[in-house]
Amino acid sequence: MSFSIPVSELALYNEKMERVVEPGAFELQIGSASDDIRINKTITVEKDRIAVIPSEGDDNVNQLNFVK
């Protein structure tokens, strides 16, 4: 079994209140409850730049913008 997770689901807000995806490790946990984790997987976002995720109302909503 497999499934896809959009990179935008890994976003957070930076100090400029821009929604970004930063490089690094993300731990995914799947289970029936927080005390019953059945699958634990770490994925890594490998980029040397930060991706700024456009807002829903933005004209460039389908485009990632990279900043250093």
C-alpha atoms as a PDB file:
ATOM      1  CA  MET A   1       0.000   0.000   0.000  1.00  0.00           C
ATOM      2  CA  SER A   2       1.186   3.528  -0.716  1.00  0.00           C
ATOM      3  CA  PHE A   3      -0.164   7.039  -0.613  1.00  0.00           C
ATOM      4  CA  SER A   4       1.023  10.505  -1.569  1.00  0.00           C
ATOM      5  CA  ILE A   5       1.475  13.477   0.704  1.00  0.00           C
ATOM      6  CA  PRO A   6       1.693  16.882  -1.011  1.00  0.00           C
ATOM      7  CA  VAL A   7       4.838  18.747   0.032  1.00  0.00           C
ATOM      8  CA  SER A   8       2.590  21.680   0.982  1.00  0.00           C
ATOM      9  CA  GLU A   9       1.252  19.553   3.882  1.00  0.00           C
ATOM     10  CA  LEU A  10       4.712  19.871   5.499  1.00  0.00           C
ATOM     11  CA  ALA A  11       4.499  23.680   5.577  1.00  0.00           C
ATOM     12  CA  LEU A  12       4.880  25.983   8.547  1.00  0.00           C
ATOM     13  CA  TYR A  13       4.929  29.763   8.963  1.00  0.00           C
ATOM     14  CA  ASN A  14       8.299  31.538   9.096  1.00  0.00           C
ATOM     15  CA  GLU A  15       9.133  34.766  10.930  1.00  0.00           C
ATOM     16  CA  LYS A  16       7.727  36.806   7.997  1.00  0.00           C
ATOM     17  CA  MET A  17       4.450  34.859   8.271  1.00  0.00           C
ATOM     18  CA  GLU A  18       5.114  33.203   4.907  1.00  0.00           C
ATOM     19  CA  ARG A  19       3.969  29.609   4.600  1.00  0.00           C
ATOM     20  CA  VAL A  20       7.148  27.632   3.833  1.00  0.00           C
ATOM     21  CA  VAL A  21       8.476  24.096   3.552  1.00  0.00           C
ATOM     22  CA  GLU A  22      11.928  23.872   5.070  1.00  0.00           C
ATOM     23  CA  PRO A  23      14.415  21.079   4.447  1.00  0.00           C
ATOM     24  CA  GLY A  24      14.799  18.479   7.146  1.00  0.00           C
ATOM     25  CA  ALA A  25      13.389  15.295   8.618  1.00  0.00           C
ATOM     26  CA  PHE A  26       9.671  14.776   9.177  1.00  0.00           C
ATOM     27  CA  GLU A  27       8.351  11.879  11.252  1.00  0.00           C
ATOM     28  CA  LEU A  28       5.094  10.329  10.011  1.00  0.00           C
ATOM     29  CA  GLN A  29       3.069   8.219  12.411  1.00  0.00           C
ATOM     30  CA  ILE A  30       0.010   6.145  11.512  1.00  0.00           C
ATOM     31  CA  GLY A  31      -2.174   4.368  14.035  1.00  0.00           C
ATOM     32  CA  SER A  32      -5.635   4.060  15.488  1.00  0.00           C
ATOM     33  CA  ALA A  33      -4.792   6.475  18.352  1.00  0.00           C
ATOM     34  CA  SER A  34      -1.836   8.477  19.659  1.00  0.00           C
ATOM     35  CA  ASP A  35      -0.988   5.620  22.037  1.00  0.00           C
ATOM     36  CA  ASP A  36      -1.364   2.945  19.316  1.00  0.00           C
ATOM     37  CA  ILE A  37       1.120   3.922  16.566  1.00  0.00           C
ATOM     38  CA  ARG A  38       1.420   1.056  14.075  1.00  0.00           C
ATOM     39  CA  ILE A  39       3.621   2.614  11.398  1.00  0.00           C
ATOM     40  CA  ASN A  40       6.420   5.070  12.065  1.00  0.00           C
ATOM     41  CA  LYS A  41       8.381   6.467   9.112  1.00  0.00           C
ATOM     42  CA  THR A  42      10.806   9.375   8.780  1.00  0.00           C
ATOM     43  CA  ILE A  43      10.971  11.218   5.461  1.00  0.00           C
ATOM     44  CA  THR A  44      13.499  13.883   4.518  1.00  0.00           C
ATOM     45  CA  VAL A  45      12.936  16.997   2.443  1.00  0.00           C
ATOM     46  CA  GLU A  46      16.238  17.643   0.711  1.00  0.00           C
ATOM     47  CA  LYS A  47      16.494  21.140  -0.670  1.00  0.00           C
ATOM     48  CA  ASP A  48      19.116  23.800  -0.267  1.00  0.00           C
ATOM     49  CA  ARG A  49      16.427  26.465  -0.498  1.00  0.00           C
ATOM     50  CA  ILE A  50      13.141  27.158   1.294  1.00  0.00           C
ATOM     51  CA  ALA A  51       9.890  26.844  -0.659  1.00  0.00           C
ATOM     52  CA  VAL A  52       7.294  29.557  -0.049  1.00  0.00           C
ATOM     53  CA  ILE A  53       3.789  28.147  -0.537  1.00  0.00           C
ATOM     54  CA  PRO A  54       1.384  30.646  -2.153  1.00  0.00           C
ATOM     55  CA  SER A  55      -1.898  31.370  -0.378  1.00  0.00           C
ATOM     56  CA  GLU A  56      -5.183  30.071  -1.787  1.00  0.00           C
ATOM     57  CA  GLY A  57      -6.158  33.541  -3.059  1.00  0.00           C
ATOM     58  CA  ASP A  58      -2.763  34.098  -4.696  1.00  0.00           C
ATOM     59  CA  ASP A  59      -2.606  34.188  -8.513  1.00  0.00           C
ATOM     60  CA  ASN A  60       0.453  31.881  -8.335  1.00  0.00           C
ATOM     61  CA  VAL A  61      -1.268  29.225  -6.211  1.00  0.00           C
ATOM     62  CA  ASN A  62       0.081  26.388  -8.402  1.00  0.00           C
ATOM     63  CA  GLN A  63       3.683  27.597  -8.244  1.00  0.00           C
ATOM     64  CA  LEU A  64       6.269  27.168  -5.492  1.00  0.00           C
ATOM     65  CA  ASN A  65       8.541  30.140  -4.946  1.00  0.00           C
ATOM     66  CA  PHE A  66      12.053  29.432  -3.702  1.00  0.00           C
ATOM     67  CA  VAL A  67      14.022  31.854  -1.557  1.00  0.00           C
ATOM     68  CA  LYS A  68      17.493  31.608  -0.037  1.00  0.00           C
END
